[in-house]
N, C-alpha and C. Protein backbone atom coordinates (compact mmCIF):
# COMPACT_ATOMS: atom_id res chain seq x y z
N MET A 1 27.83 125.46 74.34
CA MET A 1 27.36 126.61 73.75
C MET A 1 28.76 127.55 73.32
N SER A 2 28.46 128.24 72.16
CA SER A 2 29.69 128.99 71.39
C SER A 2 29.69 130.23 72.29
N ASP A 3 30.95 130.92 72.08
CA ASP A 3 31.31 132.16 72.77
C ASP A 3 30.26 133.29 72.34
N GLU A 4 29.83 133.22 71.13
CA GLU A 4 29.11 134.27 70.63
C GLU A 4 27.38 134.18 71.23
N GLU A 5 27.06 132.79 71.46
CA GLU A 5 25.69 132.68 72.21
C GLU A 5 25.96 133.15 73.64
N ARG A 6 27.12 132.90 74.39
CA ARG A 6 27.39 133.44 75.65
C ARG A 6 27.29 134.95 75.52
N GLU A 7 27.97 135.39 74.61
CA GLU A 7 27.98 136.89 74.63
C GLU A 7 26.81 137.47 74.66
N LYS A 8 25.91 136.96 73.78
CA LYS A 8 24.50 137.30 73.56
C LYS A 8 23.55 137.55 74.75
N LEU A 9 23.69 136.34 75.60
CA LEU A 9 23.07 136.04 76.89
C LEU A 9 23.63 137.30 77.71
N ILE A 10 24.90 137.19 78.01
CA ILE A 10 25.42 138.16 78.92
C ILE A 10 25.02 139.65 78.64
N ALA A 11 24.95 139.80 77.30
CA ALA A 11 24.78 141.25 76.84
C ALA A 11 23.19 141.66 77.41
N VAL A 12 22.52 140.71 77.23
CA VAL A 12 21.04 140.82 77.84
C VAL A 12 20.85 140.82 79.39
N ILE A 13 21.51 140.05 80.00
CA ILE A 13 21.64 140.24 81.48
C ILE A 13 22.26 141.47 81.98
N ASN A 14 23.27 142.00 81.26
CA ASN A 14 24.08 143.22 81.61
C ASN A 14 23.00 144.36 81.65
N GLN A 15 21.97 144.23 80.67
CA GLN A 15 21.00 145.47 80.50
C GLN A 15 20.15 145.57 81.65
N LYS A 16 19.92 144.40 82.49
CA LYS A 16 19.11 144.32 83.50
C LYS A 16 19.92 144.39 84.99
N THR A 17 21.35 144.21 85.11
CA THR A 17 22.06 143.86 86.07
C THR A 17 23.29 144.74 86.07
N LYS A 18 23.90 144.53 87.13
CA LYS A 18 25.34 145.12 87.19
C LYS A 18 26.32 144.36 87.87
N TYR A 19 26.28 142.88 87.07
CA TYR A 19 27.62 142.06 87.34
C TYR A 19 28.85 142.45 87.03
N PRO A 20 29.97 142.25 87.48
CA PRO A 20 31.18 142.36 87.04
C PRO A 20 31.46 141.36 85.48
N PRO A 21 32.09 141.80 84.78
CA PRO A 21 32.31 140.74 83.67
C PRO A 21 32.84 139.65 84.11
N SER A 22 33.93 139.63 85.02
CA SER A 22 34.54 138.55 85.47
C SER A 22 33.70 137.54 86.25
N TYR A 23 32.56 137.75 86.47
CA TYR A 23 31.54 136.91 87.19
C TYR A 23 31.07 136.10 86.37
N PHE A 24 30.89 136.40 84.86
CA PHE A 24 30.32 135.33 83.99
C PHE A 24 31.31 134.36 83.44
N ASP A 25 32.67 134.61 83.78
CA ASP A 25 33.77 133.67 83.42
C ASP A 25 33.59 132.51 84.38
N SER A 26 33.19 132.52 85.60
CA SER A 26 33.23 131.28 86.37
C SER A 26 31.90 130.40 86.05
N LEU A 27 30.68 131.08 85.46
CA LEU A 27 29.54 130.32 85.15
C LEU A 27 29.58 129.29 84.15
N SER A 28 29.12 128.06 84.60
CA SER A 28 28.76 127.06 83.15
C SER A 28 27.72 127.62 82.10
N ASP A 29 27.82 126.86 81.23
CA ASP A 29 26.74 127.33 80.36
C ASP A 29 25.18 127.09 80.80
N LYS A 30 25.10 126.08 81.68
CA LYS A 30 23.86 125.93 82.30
C LYS A 30 23.76 127.00 83.32
N GLN A 31 24.51 127.46 84.20
CA GLN A 31 24.29 128.42 84.96
C GLN A 31 23.85 129.67 84.42
N LEU A 32 24.73 130.01 83.14
CA LEU A 32 24.16 131.14 82.45
C LEU A 32 22.81 131.32 81.94
N ILE A 33 22.51 130.21 81.34
CA ILE A 33 21.18 130.03 80.96
C ILE A 33 20.29 130.31 82.08
N GLU A 34 20.15 129.60 83.24
CA GLU A 34 19.41 129.86 84.34
C GLU A 34 19.27 131.19 84.72
N LEU A 35 20.75 131.82 85.04
CA LEU A 35 20.63 133.39 85.30
C LEU A 35 19.72 134.22 84.49
N TYR A 36 20.04 133.82 82.85
CA TYR A 36 19.27 134.52 81.72
C TYR A 36 17.69 134.47 81.97
N GLU A 37 17.32 132.96 82.28
CA GLU A 37 15.97 133.08 82.31
C GLU A 37 15.61 133.73 83.41
N TYR A 38 16.08 133.73 84.75
CA TYR A 38 15.43 134.12 85.85
C TYR A 38 15.64 135.67 85.53
N HIS A 39 16.36 136.47 84.99
CA HIS A 39 16.09 137.86 84.68
C HIS A 39 15.17 138.09 83.59
N THR A 40 15.11 137.39 82.80
CA THR A 40 14.17 137.58 81.46
C THR A 40 12.89 137.27 81.57
N LEU A 41 12.36 136.16 82.62
CA LEU A 41 11.15 135.79 82.72
C LEU A 41 10.57 136.21 84.09
N LYS A 42 11.01 136.97 84.73
CA LYS A 42 10.18 137.39 85.97
C LYS A 42 9.77 138.58 85.93
């Protein structure tokens, strides 16, 4: 996943949550996608 794609997912997640920016640095692409789906599909 490109940095640009990651930024888009993070932007959406940040609209719904209050994770610190550093939290996303430790996530793999797969984890980030799962987090995104969790927050957008529930």
